[in-house]
């Protein structure tokens, strides 16, 4: 039986969103610290091969964070907006990320690993 659950997919996509946000906000210490801690917690709990994750996720995240979402109307109100959160949401919903998820799931199935349960921190 294939190792594929909604929890696995949601957990991975949540981690990609956190990675993207951490990269996007790396110069702002408060959200960056929290996001890096969240990523580290996910990495400790996943059965995915981190080399594979890095191989696929890093270039994808970098490409999205570097996108230019300049909006001249918003710029007249607040200068220097980058819309980084919107970029990460767009990545989260991109079908390309779904294909990466499928590739990594195939890797899990091939190795015969069993996913660890996704646990949320109590009180959050």
PDB file of N, CA and C in Angstrom:
ATOM      1  N   UNK A   1       0.836  -1.181   0.000  1.00  0.00           N
ATOM      2  CA  UNK A   1       0.000   0.000   0.000  1.00  0.00           C
ATOM      3  C   UNK A   1       0.882   1.245   0.000  1.00  0.00           C
ATOM      4  N   UNK A   2       0.493   2.219  -0.777  1.00  0.00           N
ATOM      5  CA  UNK A   2       1.276   3.447  -0.899  1.00  0.00           C
ATOM      6  C   UNK A   2       1.167   4.285   0.372  1.00  0.00           C
ATOM      7  N   UNK A   3       2.262   4.911   0.712  1.00  0.00           N
ATOM      8  CA  UNK A   3       2.275   5.820   1.853  1.00  0.00           C
ATOM      9  C   UNK A   3       1.871   7.183   1.331  1.00  0.00           C
ATOM     10  N   UNK A   4       0.588   7.500   1.488  1.00  0.00           N
ATOM     11  CA  UNK A   4       0.088   8.778   0.989  1.00  0.00           C
ATOM     12  C   UNK A   4      -1.131   9.161   1.810  1.00  0.00           C
ATOM     13  N   UNK A   5      -0.990  10.196   2.572  1.00  0.00           N
ATOM     14  CA  UNK A   5      -2.119  10.676   3.351  1.00  0.00           C
ATOM     15  C   UNK A   5      -2.207  12.179   3.201  1.00  0.00           C
ATOM     16  N   UNK A   6      -3.385  12.693   3.460  1.00  0.00           N
ATOM     17  CA  UNK A   6      -3.567  14.142   3.414  1.00  0.00           C
ATOM     18  C   UNK A   6      -2.665  14.832   4.429  1.00  0.00           C
ATOM     19  N   UNK A   7      -2.430  14.185   5.564  1.00  0.00           N
ATOM     20  CA  UNK A   7      -1.570  14.774   6.590  1.00  0.00           C
ATOM     21  C   UNK A   7      -0.156  14.940   6.055  1.00  0.00           C
ATOM     22  N   UNK A   8       0.367  13.919   5.353  1.00  0.00           N
ATOM     23  CA  UNK A   8       1.711  14.007   4.791  1.00  0.00           C
ATOM     24  C   UNK A   8       1.810  15.167   3.810  1.00  0.00           C
ATOM     25  N   UNK A   9       0.837  15.260   2.904  1.00  0.00           N
ATOM     26  CA  UNK A   9       0.847  16.305   1.885  1.00  0.00           C
ATOM     27  C   UNK A   9       0.719  17.671   2.534  1.00  0.00           C
ATOM     28  N   UNK A  10      -0.223  17.814   3.467  1.00  0.00           N
ATOM     29  CA  UNK A  10      -0.407  19.103   4.128  1.00  0.00           C
ATOM     30  C   UNK A  10       0.845  19.489   4.903  1.00  0.00           C
ATOM     31  N   UNK A  11       1.433  18.534   5.596  1.00  0.00           N
ATOM     32  CA  UNK A  11       2.631  18.798   6.372  1.00  0.00           C
ATOM     33  C   UNK A  11       3.767  19.282   5.477  1.00  0.00           C
ATOM     34  N   UNK A  12       3.969  18.614   4.347  1.00  0.00           N
ATOM     35  CA  UNK A  12       5.036  19.021   3.444  1.00  0.00           C
ATOM     36  C   UNK A  12       4.756  20.402   2.870  1.00  0.00           C
ATOM     37  N   UNK A  13       3.538  20.627   2.399  1.00  0.00           N
ATOM     38  CA  UNK A  13       3.217  21.931   1.824  1.00  0.00           C
ATOM     39  C   UNK A  13       3.311  23.031   2.877  1.00  0.00           C
ATOM     40  N   UNK A  14       2.914  22.729   4.124  1.00  0.00           N
ATOM     41  CA  UNK A  14       3.077  23.698   5.213  1.00  0.00           C
ATOM     42  C   UNK A  14       4.550  24.045   5.407  1.00  0.00           C
ATOM     43  N   UNK A  15       5.406  23.023   5.342  1.00  0.00           N
ATOM     44  CA  UNK A  15       6.846  23.244   5.509  1.00  0.00           C
ATOM     45  C   UNK A  15       7.398  24.097   4.371  1.00  0.00           C
ATOM     46  N   UNK A  16       6.953  23.843   3.140  1.00  0.00           N
ATOM     47  CA  UNK A  16       7.414  24.658   2.007  1.00  0.00           C
ATOM     48  C   UNK A  16       6.980  26.104   2.199  1.00  0.00           C
ATOM     49  N   UNK A  17       5.761  26.314   2.665  1.00  0.00           N
ATOM     50  CA  UNK A  17       5.297  27.676   2.932  1.00  0.00           C
ATOM     51  C   UNK A  17       6.180  28.337   3.992  1.00  0.00           C
ATOM     52  N   UNK A  18       6.500  27.610   5.050  1.00  0.00           N
ATOM     53  CA  UNK A  18       7.369  28.158   6.101  1.00  0.00           C
ATOM     54  C   UNK A  18       8.765  28.464   5.565  1.00  0.00           C
ATOM     55  N   UNK A  19       9.299  27.582   4.727  1.00  0.00           N
ATOM     56  CA  UNK A  19      10.625  27.811   4.122  1.00  0.00           C
ATOM     57  C   UNK A  19      10.589  29.070   3.267  1.00  0.00           C
ATOM     58  N   UNK A  20       9.538  29.208   2.470  1.00  0.00           N
ATOM     59  CA  UNK A  20       9.412  30.389   1.608  1.00  0.00           C
ATOM     60  C   UNK A  20       9.320  31.666   2.450  1.00  0.00           C
ATOM     61  N   UNK A  21       8.487  31.645   3.471  1.00  0.00           N
ATOM     62  CA  UNK A  21       8.346  32.823   4.324  1.00  0.00           C
ATOM     63  C   UNK A  21       9.652  33.148   5.054  1.00  0.00           C
ATOM     64  N   UNK A  22      10.356  32.113   5.504  1.00  0.00           N
ATOM     65  CA  UNK A  22      11.638  32.352   6.176  1.00  0.00           C
ATOM     66  C   UNK A  22      12.625  33.022   5.234  1.00  0.00           C
ATOM     67  N   UNK A  23      12.651  32.586   4.004  1.00  0.00           N
ATOM     68  CA  UNK A  23      13.544  33.213   3.015  1.00  0.00           C
ATOM     69  C   UNK A  23      13.084  34.633   2.719  1.00  0.00           C
ATOM     70  N   UNK A  24      11.793  34.816   2.540  1.00  0.00           N
ATOM     71  CA  UNK A  24      11.261  36.133   2.203  1.00  0.00           C
ATOM     72  C   UNK A  24      11.498  37.154   3.318  1.00  0.00           C
ATOM     73  N   UNK A  25      11.399  36.705   4.556  1.00  0.00           N
ATOM     74  CA  UNK A  25      11.528  37.611   5.698  1.00  0.00           C
ATOM     75  C   UNK A  25      12.828  37.424   6.464  1.00  0.00           C
ATOM     76  N   UNK A  26      13.855  36.917   5.822  1.00  0.00           N
ATOM     77  CA  UNK A  26      15.114  36.618   6.512  1.00  0.00           C
ATOM     78  C   UNK A  26      15.772  37.850   7.125  1.00  0.00           C
ATOM     79  N   UNK A  27      15.435  39.051   6.640  1.00  0.00           N
ATOM     80  CA  UNK A  27      16.051  40.268   7.172  1.00  0.00           C
ATOM     81  C   UNK A  27      15.242  40.876   8.320  1.00  0.00           C
ATOM     82  N   UNK A  28      14.110  40.267   8.645  1.00  0.00           N
ATOM     83  CA  UNK A  28      13.279  40.736   9.751  1.00  0.00           C
ATOM     84  C   UNK A  28      13.393  39.701  10.864  1.00  0.00           C
ATOM     85  N   UNK A  29      14.117  39.992  11.940  1.00  0.00           N
ATOM     86  CA  UNK A  29      14.501  38.959  12.902  1.00  0.00           C
ATOM     87  C   UNK A  29      13.356  38.234  13.608  1.00  0.00           C
ATOM     88  N   UNK A  30      12.258  38.882  13.893  1.00  0.00           N
ATOM     89  CA  UNK A  30      11.199  38.227  14.666  1.00  0.00           C
ATOM     90  C   UNK A  30      10.515  37.122  13.862  1.00  0.00           C
ATOM     91  N   UNK A  31       9.933  37.409  12.697  1.00  0.00           N
ATOM     92  CA  UNK A  31       9.302  36.298  11.964  1.00  0.00           C
ATOM     93  C   UNK A  31      10.328  35.284  11.466  1.00  0.00           C
ATOM     94  N   UNK A  32      11.498  35.727  11.104  1.00  0.00           N
ATOM     95  CA  UNK A  32      12.522  34.804  10.591  1.00  0.00           C
ATOM     96  C   UNK A  32      12.896  33.768  11.652  1.00  0.00           C
ATOM     97  N   UNK A  33      13.061  34.185  12.897  1.00  0.00           N
ATOM     98  CA  UNK A  33      13.433  33.264  13.978  1.00  0.00           C
ATOM     99  C   UNK A  33      12.334  32.226  14.193  1.00  0.00           C
ATOM    100  N   UNK A  34      11.089  32.657  14.234  1.00  0.00           N
ATOM    101  CA  UNK A  34       9.967  31.752  14.431  1.00  0.00           C
ATOM    102  C   UNK A  34       9.832  30.769  13.267  1.00  0.00           C
ATOM    103  N   UNK A  35       9.972  31.267  12.057  1.00  0.00           N
ATOM    104  CA  UNK A  35       9.856  30.406  10.875  1.00  0.00           C
ATOM    105  C   UNK A  35      10.995  29.393  10.812  1.00  0.00           C
ATOM    106  N   UNK A  36      12.211  29.809  11.134  1.00  0.00           N
ATOM    107  CA  UNK A  36      13.339  28.880  11.132  1.00  0.00           C
ATOM    108  C   UNK A  36      13.131  27.772  12.170  1.00  0.00           C
ATOM    109  N   UNK A  37      12.595  28.123  13.325  1.00  0.00           N
ATOM    110  CA  UNK A  37      12.312  27.118  14.357  1.00  0.00           C
ATOM    111  C   UNK A  37      11.230  26.149  13.878  1.00  0.00           C
ATOM    112  N   UNK A  38      10.229  26.661  13.184  1.00  0.00           N
ATOM    113  CA  UNK A  38       9.167  25.806  12.640  1.00  0.00           C
ATOM    114  C   UNK A  38       9.718  24.843  11.602  1.00  0.00           C
ATOM    115  N   UNK A  39      10.588  25.327  10.755  1.00  0.00           N
ATOM    116  CA  UNK A  39      11.208  24.474   9.728  1.00  0.00           C
ATOM    117  C   UNK A  39      12.045  23.390  10.384  1.00  0.00           C
ATOM    118  N   UNK A  40      12.815  23.760  11.390  1.00  0.00           N
ATOM    119  CA  UNK A  40      13.657  22.780  12.089  1.00  0.00           C
ATOM    120  C   UNK A  40      12.801  21.693  12.740  1.00  0.00           C
ATOM    121  N   UNK A  41      11.683  22.081  13.332  1.00  0.00           N
ATOM    122  CA  UNK A  41      10.786  21.093  13.955  1.00  0.00           C
ATOM    123  C   UNK A  41      10.233  20.151  12.894  1.00  0.00           C
ATOM    124  N   UNK A  42       9.859  20.674  11.754  1.00  0.00           N
ATOM    125  CA  UNK A  42       9.343  19.830  10.672  1.00  0.00           C
ATOM    126  C   UNK A  42      10.423  18.875  10.188  1.00  0.00           C
ATOM    127  N   UNK A  43      11.633  19.377   9.992  1.00  0.00           N
ATOM    128  CA  UNK A  43      12.721  18.523   9.499  1.00  0.00           C
ATOM    129  C   UNK A  43      13.000  17.358  10.448  1.00  0.00           C
ATOM    130  N   UNK A  44      12.883  17.599  11.763  1.00  0.00           N
ATOM    131  CA  UNK A  44      13.115  16.523  12.732  1.00  0.00           C
ATOM    132  C   UNK A  44      12.015  15.465  12.699  1.00  0.00           C
ATOM    133  N   UNK A  45      10.826  15.821  12.229  1.00  0.00           N
ATOM    134  CA  UNK A  45       9.702  14.896  12.284  1.00  0.00           C
ATOM    135  C   UNK A  45       9.383  14.217  10.952  1.00  0.00           C
ATOM    136  N   UNK A  46      10.076  14.564   9.885  1.00  0.00           N
ATOM    137  CA  UNK A  46       9.722  14.025   8.572  1.00  0.00           C
ATOM    138  C   UNK A  46      10.560  12.798   8.216  1.00  0.00           C
ATOM    139  N   UNK A  47       9.973  11.948   7.382  1.00  0.00           N
ATOM    140  CA  UNK A  47      10.711  10.793   6.861  1.00  0.00           C
ATOM    141  C   UNK A  47      11.314  11.112   5.493  1.00  0.00           C
ATOM    142  N   UNK A  48      11.051  12.300   4.987  1.00  0.00           N
ATOM    143  CA  UNK A  48      11.559  12.668   3.668  1.00  0.00           C
ATOM    144  C   UNK A  48      13.069  12.838   3.689  1.00  0.00           C
ATOM    145  N   UNK A  49      13.702  12.488   2.585  1.00  0.00           N
ATOM    146  CA  UNK A  49      15.139  12.656   2.411  1.00  0.00           C
ATOM    147  C   UNK A  49      15.416  14.153   2.240  1.00  0.00           C
ATOM    148  N   UNK A  50      16.129  14.746   3.194  1.00  0.00           N
ATOM    149  CA  UNK A  50      16.362  16.189   3.169  1.00  0.00           C
ATOM    150  C   UNK A  50      17.149  16.642   1.946  1.00  0.00           C
ATOM    151  N   UNK A  51      18.016  15.792   1.420  1.00  0.00           N
ATOM    152  CA  UNK A  51      18.740  16.163   0.197  1.00  0.00           C
ATOM    153  C   UNK A  51      17.770  16.323  -0.961  1.00  0.00           C
ATOM    154  N   UNK A  52      16.777  15.435  -1.021  1.00  0.00           N
ATOM    155  CA  UNK A  52      15.769  15.529  -2.074  1.00  0.00           C
ATOM    156  C   UNK A  52      14.909  16.779  -1.878  1.00  0.00           C
ATOM    157  N   UNK A  53      14.518  17.030  -0.643  1.00  0.00           N
ATOM    158  CA  UNK A  53      13.712  18.214  -0.354  1.00  0.00           C
ATOM    159  C   UNK A  53      14.477  19.460  -0.772  1.00  0.00           C
ATOM    160  N   UNK A  54      15.738  19.563  -0.353  1.00  0.00           N
ATOM    161  CA  UNK A  54      16.552  20.728  -0.702  1.00  0.00           C
ATOM    162  C   UNK A  54      16.741  20.855  -2.212  1.00  0.00           C
ATOM    163  N   UNK A  55      16.924  19.736  -2.879  1.00  0.00           N
ATOM    164  CA  UNK A  55      17.132  19.735  -4.328  1.00  0.00           C
ATOM    165  C   UNK A  55      15.944  20.360  -5.066  1.00  0.00           C
ATOM    166  N   UNK A  56      14.748  20.059  -4.622  1.00  0.00           N
ATOM    167  CA  UNK A  56      13.551  20.549  -5.312  1.00  0.00           C
ATOM    168  C   UNK A  56      13.020  21.858  -4.741  1.00  0.00           C
ATOM    169  N   UNK A  57      13.073  22.006  -3.434  1.00  0.00           N
ATOM    170  CA  UNK A  57      12.422  23.144  -2.792  1.00  0.00           C
ATOM    171  C   UNK A  57      13.245  24.427  -2.877  1.00  0.00           C
ATOM    172  N   UNK A  58      14.534  24.358  -2.638  1.00  0.00           N
ATOM    173  CA  UNK A  58      15.355  25.576  -2.614  1.00  0.00           C
ATOM    174  C   UNK A  58      15.253  26.384  -3.905  1.00  0.00           C
ATOM    175  N   UNK A  59      15.427  25.771  -5.093  1.00  0.00           N
ATOM    176  CA  UNK A  59      15.308  26.573  -6.312  1.00  0.00           C
ATOM    177  C   UNK A  59      13.900  27.131  -6.526  1.00  0.00           C
ATOM    178  N   UNK A  60      12.895  26.365  -6.128  1.00  0.00           N
ATOM    179  CA  UNK A  60      11.515  26.815  -6.285  1.00  0.00           C
ATOM    180  C   UNK A  60      11.236  28.015  -5.382  1.00  0.00           C
ATOM    181  N   UNK A  61      11.649  27.922  -4.131  1.00  0.00           N
ATOM    182  CA  UNK A  61      11.466  29.030  -3.187  1.00  0.00           C
ATOM    183  C   UNK A  61      12.237  30.260  -3.668  1.00  0.00           C
ATOM    184  N   UNK A  62      13.474  30.078  -4.068  1.00  0.00           N
ATOM    185  CA  UNK A  62      14.273  31.221  -4.538  1.00  0.00           C
ATOM    186  C   UNK A  62      13.610  31.908  -5.724  1.00  0.00           C
ATOM    187  N   UNK A  63      13.077  31.122  -6.647  1.00  0.00           N
ATOM    188  CA  UNK A  63      12.422  31.693  -7.834  1.00  0.00           C
ATOM    189  C   UNK A  63      11.204  32.525  -7.439  1.00  0.00           C
ATOM    190  N   UNK A  64      10.429  32.041  -6.495  1.00  0.00           N
ATOM    191  CA  UNK A  64       9.235  32.786  -6.080  1.00  0.00           C
ATOM    192  C   UNK A  64       9.584  34.037  -5.300  1.00  0.00           C
ATOM    193  N   UNK A  65      10.530  33.949  -4.377  1.00  0.00           N
ATOM    194  CA  UNK A  65      10.883  35.112  -3.560  1.00  0.00           C
ATOM    195  C   UNK A  65      11.473  36.227  -4.433  1.00  0.00           C
ATOM    196  N   UNK A  66      12.139  35.861  -5.511  1.00  0.00           N
ATOM    197  CA  UNK A  66      12.752  36.853  -6.390  1.00  0.00           C
ATOM    198  C   UNK A  66      11.766  37.493  -7.371  1.00  0.00           C
ATOM    199  N   UNK A  67      10.553  36.997  -7.440  1.00  0.00           N
ATOM    200  CA  UNK A  67       9.567  37.568  -8.362  1.00  0.00           C
ATOM    201  C   UNK A  67       9.305  39.035  -8.037  1.00  0.00           C
ATOM    202  N   UNK A  68       8.956  39.774  -9.093  1.00  0.00           N
ATOM    203  CA  UNK A  68       8.654  41.202  -8.941  1.00  0.00           C
ATOM    204  C   UNK A  68       7.138  41.385  -8.958  1.00  0.00           C
ATOM    205  N   UNK A  69       6.572  41.684  -7.816  1.00  0.00           N
ATOM    206  CA  UNK A  69       5.135  41.905  -7.693  1.00  0.00           C
ATOM    207  C   UNK A  69       4.851  43.402  -7.521  1.00  0.00           C
ATOM    208  N   UNK A  70       5.655  44.229  -8.130  1.00  0.00           N
ATOM    209  CA  UNK A  70       5.498  45.682  -8.008  1.00  0.00           C
ATOM    210  C   UNK A  70       4.072  46.092  -8.370  1.00  0.00           C
ATOM    211  N   UNK A  71       3.483  46.914  -7.521  1.00  0.00           N
ATOM    212  CA  UNK A  71       2.134  47.429  -7.754  1.00  0.00           C
ATOM    213  C   UNK A  71       2.202  48.947  -7.614  1.00  0.00           C
ATOM    214  N   UNK A  72       2.075  49.676  -8.727  1.00  0.00           N
ATOM    215  CA  UNK A  72       2.223  51.132  -8.657  1.00  0.00           C
ATOM    216  C   UNK A  72       1.183  51.815  -7.767  1.00  0.00           C
ATOM    217  N   UNK A  73      -0.025  51.263  -7.687  1.00  0.00           N
ATOM    218  CA  UNK A  73      -1.036  51.868  -6.817  1.00  0.00           C
ATOM    219  C   UNK A  73      -0.656  51.720  -5.348  1.00  0.00           C
ATOM    220  N   UNK A  74      -0.223  50.549  -4.961  1.00  0.00           N
ATOM    221  CA  UNK A  74       0.195  50.333  -3.578  1.00  0.00           C
ATOM    222  C   UNK A  74       1.456  51.135  -3.258  1.00  0.00           C
ATOM    223  N   UNK A  75       2.334  51.261  -4.237  1.00  0.00           N
ATOM    224  CA  UNK A  75       3.594  51.986  -4.041  1.00  0.00           C
ATOM    225  C   UNK A  75       3.347  53.456  -3.705  1.00  0.00           C
ATOM    226  N   UNK A  76       2.256  54.024  -4.208  1.00  0.00           N
ATOM    227  CA  UNK A  76       1.953  55.428  -3.884  1.00  0.00           C
ATOM    228  C   UNK A  76       1.552  55.587  -2.423  1.00  0.00           C
ATOM    229  N   UNK A  77       1.028  54.503  -1.827  1.00  0.00           N
ATOM    230  CA  UNK A  77       0.615  54.562  -0.428  1.00  0.00           C
ATOM    231  C   UNK A  77       1.729  54.155   0.530  1.00  0.00           C
ATOM    232  N   UNK A  78       2.441  53.071   0.191  1.00  0.00           N
ATOM    233  CA  UNK A  78       3.525  52.562   1.038  1.00  0.00           C
ATOM    234  C   UNK A  78       4.685  52.183   0.124  1.00  0.00           C
ATOM    235  N   UNK A  79       5.768  52.890   0.240  1.00  0.00           N
ATOM    236  CA  UNK A  79       6.913  52.647  -0.635  1.00  0.00           C
ATOM    237  C   UNK A  79       7.667  51.381  -0.238  1.00  0.00           C
ATOM    238  N   UNK A  80       8.165  50.660  -1.250  1.00  0.00           N
ATOM    239  CA  UNK A  80       9.036  49.526  -1.015  1.00  0.00           C
ATOM    240  C   UNK A  80       8.344  48.210  -0.690  1.00  0.00           C
ATOM    241  N   UNK A  81       7.042  48.131  -0.923  1.00  0.00           N
ATOM    242  CA  UNK A  81       6.354  46.862  -0.663  1.00  0.00           C
ATOM    243  C   UNK A  81       6.879  45.792  -1.613  1.00  0.00           C
ATOM    244  N   UNK A  82       7.063  44.584  -1.073  1.00  0.00           N
ATOM    245  CA  UNK A  82       7.561  43.479  -1.903  1.00  0.00           C
ATOM    246  C   UNK A  82       6.515  42.380  -2.105  1.00  0.00           C
ATOM    247  N   UNK A  83       5.469  42.386  -1.297  1.00  0.00           N
ATOM    248  CA  UNK A  83       4.407  41.374  -1.378  1.00  0.00           C
ATOM    249  C   UNK A  83       4.964  39.960  -1.215  1.00  0.00           C
ATOM    250  N   UNK A  84       5.900  39.796  -0.292  1.00  0.00           N
ATOM    251  CA  UNK A  84       6.535  38.497  -0.083  1.00  0.00           C
ATOM    252  C   UNK A  84       5.547  37.423   0.378  1.00  0.00           C
ATOM    253  N   UNK A  85       4.628  37.791   1.244  1.00  0.00           N
ATOM    254  CA  UNK A  85       3.652  36.811   1.700  1.00  0.00           C
ATOM    255  C   UNK A  85       2.807  36.312   0.529  1.00  0.00           C
ATOM    256  N   UNK A  86       2.395  37.212  -0.342  1.00  0.00           N
ATOM    257  CA  UNK A  86       1.616  36.817  -1.518  1.00  0.00           C
ATOM    258  C   UNK A  86       2.424  35.886  -2.426  1.00  0.00           C
ATOM    259  N   UNK A  87       3.711  36.148  -2.563  1.00  0.00           N
ATOM    260  CA  UNK A  87       4.575  35.276  -3.369  1.00  0.00           C
ATOM    261  C   UNK A  87       4.579  33.855  -2.799  1.00  0.00           C
ATOM    262  N   UNK A  88       4.691  33.758  -1.485  1.00  0.00           N
ATOM    263  CA  UNK A  88       4.729  32.436  -0.850  1.00  0.00           C
ATOM    264  C   UNK A  88       3.380  31.729  -0.953  1.00  0.00           C
ATOM    265  N   UNK A  89       2.292  32.484  -0.848  1.00  0.00           N
ATOM    266  CA  UNK A  89       0.976  31.870  -1.051  1.00  0.00           C
ATOM    267  C   UNK A  89       0.827  31.365  -2.480  1.00  0.00           C
ATOM    268  N   UNK A  90       1.320  32.130  -3.431  1.00  0.00           N
ATOM    269  CA  UNK A  90       1.265  31.688  -4.831  1.00  0.00           C
ATOM    270  C   UNK A  90       2.054  30.399  -5.020  1.00  0.00           C
ATOM    271  N   UNK A  91       3.215  30.301  -4.381  1.00  0.00           N
ATOM    272  CA  UNK A  91       3.994  29.064  -4.440  1.00  0.00           C
ATOM    273  C   UNK A  91       3.203  27.916  -3.829  1.00  0.00           C
ATOM    274  N   UNK A  92       2.589  28.155  -2.685  1.00  0.00           N
ATOM    275  CA  UNK A  92       1.826  27.124  -1.976  1.00  0.00           C
ATOM    276  C   UNK A  92       0.731  26.528  -2.864  1.00  0.00           C
ATOM    277  N   UNK A  93       0.129  27.358  -3.702  1.00  0.00           N
ATOM    278  CA  UNK A  93      -0.982  26.918  -4.549  1.00  0.00           C
ATOM    279  C   UNK A  93      -0.560  26.546  -5.965  1.00  0.00           C
ATOM    280  N   UNK A  94       0.731  26.629  -6.274  1.00  0.00           N
ATOM    281  CA  UNK A  94       1.212  26.325  -7.623  1.00  0.00           C
ATOM    282  C   UNK A  94       1.185  24.815  -7.877  1.00  0.00           C
ATOM    283  N   UNK A  95       0.641  24.383  -9.016  1.00  0.00           N
ATOM    284  CA  UNK A  95       0.635  22.949  -9.353  1.00  0.00           C
ATOM    285  C   UNK A  95       2.039  22.339  -9.391  1.00  0.00           C
ATOM    286  N   UNK A  96       3.044  23.152  -9.611  1.00  0.00           N
ATOM    287  CA  UNK A  96       4.414  22.627  -9.612  1.00  0.00           C
ATOM    288  C   UNK A  96       4.763  22.074  -8.231  1.00  0.00           C
ATOM    289  N   UNK A  97       4.287  22.712  -7.163  1.00  0.00           N
ATOM    290  CA  UNK A  97       4.537  22.202  -5.818  1.00  0.00           C
ATOM    291  C   UNK A  97       3.826  20.865  -5.620  1.00  0.00           C
ATOM    292  N   UNK A  98       2.641  20.732  -6.181  1.00  0.00           N
ATOM    293  CA  UNK A  98       1.938  19.445  -6.109  1.00  0.00           C
ATOM    294  C   UNK A  98       2.744  18.349  -6.803  1.00  0.00           C
ATOM    295  N   UNK A  99       3.413  18.681  -7.902  1.00  0.00           N
ATOM    296  CA  UNK A  99       4.249  17.695  -8.595  1.00  0.00           C
ATOM    297  C   UNK A  99       5.470  17.327  -7.748  1.00  0.00           C
ATOM    298  N   UNK A 100       6.038  18.297  -7.046  1.00  0.00           N
ATOM    299  CA  UNK A 100       7.160  18.011  -6.149  1.00  0.00           C
ATOM    300  C   UNK A 100       6.690  17.081  -5.026  1.00  0.00           C
ATOM    301  N   UNK A 101       5.514  17.365  -4.473  1.00  0.00           N
ATOM    302  CA  UNK A 101       4.951  16.503  -3.427  1.00  0.00           C
ATOM    303  C   UNK A 101       4.824  15.072  -3.951  1.00  0.00           C
ATOM    304  N   UNK A 102       4.305  14.939  -5.158  1.00  0.00           N
ATOM    305  CA  UNK A 102       4.133  13.600  -5.742  1.00  0.00           C
ATOM    306  C   UNK A 102       5.479  12.899  -5.899  1.00  0.00           C
ATOM    307  N   UNK A 103       6.494  13.614  -6.354  1.00  0.00           N
ATOM    308  CA  UNK A 103       7.824  13.042  -6.530  1.00  0.00           C
ATOM    309  C   UNK A 103       8.387  12.572  -5.190  1.00  0.00           C
ATOM    310  N   UNK A 104       8.231  13.375  -4.163  1.00  0.00           N
ATOM    311  CA  UNK A 104       8.753  13.007  -2.849  1.00  0.00           C
ATOM    312  C   UNK A 104       7.958  11.844  -2.245  1.00  0.00           C
ATOM    313  N   UNK A 105       6.673  11.801  -2.496  1.00  0.00           N
ATOM    314  CA  UNK A 105       5.865  10.659  -2.042  1.00  0.00           C
ATOM    315  C   UNK A 105       6.318   9.372  -2.722  1.00  0.00           C
ATOM    316  N   UNK A 106       6.624   9.472  -4.008  1.00  0.00           N
ATOM    317  CA  UNK A 106       7.137   8.298  -4.723  1.00  0.00           C
ATOM    318  C   UNK A 106       8.447   7.828  -4.103  1.00  0.00           C
ATOM    319  N   UNK A 107       9.272   8.771  -3.676  1.00  0.00           N
ATOM    320  CA  UNK A 107      10.530   8.426  -3.012  1.00  0.00           C
ATOM    321  C   UNK A 107      10.258   7.679  -1.713  1.00  0.00           C
ATOM    322  N   UNK A 108       9.294   8.152  -0.924  1.00  0.00           N
ATOM    323  CA  UNK A 108       8.932   7.474   0.322  1.00  0.00           C
ATOM    324  C   UNK A 108       8.445   6.059   0.010  1.00  0.00           C
ATOM    325  N   UNK A 109       7.570   5.943  -0.976  1.00  0.00           N
ATOM    326  CA  UNK A 109       7.021   4.628  -1.325  1.00  0.00           C
ATOM    327  C   UNK A 109       8.118   3.679  -1.791  1.00  0.00           C
ATOM    328  N   UNK A 110       9.060   4.207  -2.544  1.00  0.00           N
ATOM    329  CA  UNK A 110      10.160   3.386  -3.052  1.00  0.00           C
ATOM    330  C   UNK A 110      11.039   2.880  -1.898  1.00  0.00           C
ATOM    331  N   UNK A 111      11.303   3.744  -0.926  1.00  0.00           N
ATOM    332  CA  UNK A 111      12.142   3.372   0.209  1.00  0.00           C
ATOM    333  C   UNK A 111      11.389   2.540   1.239  1.00  0.00           C
ATOM    334  N   UNK A 112      10.058   2.546   1.158  1.00  0.00           N
ATOM    335  CA  UNK A 112       9.272   1.774   2.102  1.00  0.00           C
ATOM    336  C   UNK A 112       9.169   2.408   3.476  1.00  0.00           C
ATOM    337  N   UNK A 113       9.463   3.686   3.575  1.00  0.00           N
ATOM    338  CA  UNK A 113       9.401   4.380   4.865  1.00  0.00           C
ATOM    339  C   UNK A 113       7.952   4.617   5.263  1.00  0.00           C
ATOM    340  N   UNK A 114       7.751   4.792   6.530  1.00  0.00           N
ATOM    341  CA  UNK A 114       6.430   5.122   7.054  1.00  0.00           C
ATOM    342  C   UNK A 114       6.478   6.545   7.592  1.00  0.00           C
ATOM    343  N   UNK A 115       5.492   7.358   7.254  1.00  0.00           N
ATOM    344  CA  UNK A 115       5.497   8.744   7.726  1.00  0.00           C
ATOM    345  C   UNK A 115       5.238   8.830   9.220  1.00  0.00           C
ATOM    346  N   UNK A 116       5.843   9.798   9.845  1.00  0.00           N
ATOM    347  CA  UNK A 116       5.572  10.067  11.240  1.00  0.00           C
ATOM    348  C   UNK A 116       4.303  10.904  11.318  1.00  0.00           C
ATOM    349  N   UNK A 117       3.533  10.768  12.376  1.00  0.00           N
ATOM    350  CA  UNK A 117       2.323  11.588  12.477  1.00  0.00           C
ATOM    351  C   UNK A 117       2.689  13.058  12.596  1.00  0.00           C
ATOM    352  N   UNK A 118       1.891  13.896  11.969  1.00  0.00           N
ATOM    353  CA  UNK A 118       2.100  15.344  12.015  1.00  0.00           C
ATOM    354  C   UNK A 118       1.481  15.855  13.311  1.00  0.00           C
ATOM    355  N   UNK A 119       2.289  16.419  14.165  1.00  0.00           N
ATOM    356  CA  UNK A 119       1.780  16.900  15.446  1.00  0.00           C
ATOM    357  C   UNK A 119       1.869  18.414  15.504  1.00  0.00           C
ATOM    358  N   UNK A 120       0.794  19.015  15.895  1.00  0.00           N
ATOM    359  CA  UNK A 120       0.764  20.456  16.096  1.00  0.00           C
ATOM    360  C   UNK A 120       1.127  20.746  17.547  1.00  0.00           C
ATOM    361  N   UNK A 121       1.703  21.878  17.780  1.00  0.00           N
ATOM    362  CA  UNK A 121       2.063  22.282  19.141  1.00  0.00           C
ATOM    363  C   UNK A 121       0.776  22.659  19.874  1.00  0.00           C
ATOM    364  N   UNK A 122       0.601  22.090  21.058  1.00  0.00           N
ATOM    365  CA  UNK A 122      -0.594  22.367  21.838  1.00  0.00           C
ATOM    366  C   UNK A 122      -0.701  23.861  22.149  1.00  0.00           C
ATOM    367  N   UNK A 123      -1.932  24.353  22.167  1.00  0.00           N
ATOM    368  CA  UNK A 123      -2.174  25.747  22.501  1.00  0.00           C
ATOM    369  C   UNK A 123      -2.008  26.694  21.350  1.00  0.00           C
ATOM    370  N   UNK A 124      -1.811  26.154  20.142  1.00  0.00           N
ATOM    371  CA  UNK A 124      -1.634  27.020  18.968  1.00  0.00           C
ATOM    372  C   UNK A 124      -2.756  26.801  18.005  1.00  0.00           C
TER     373      UNK A 124
END
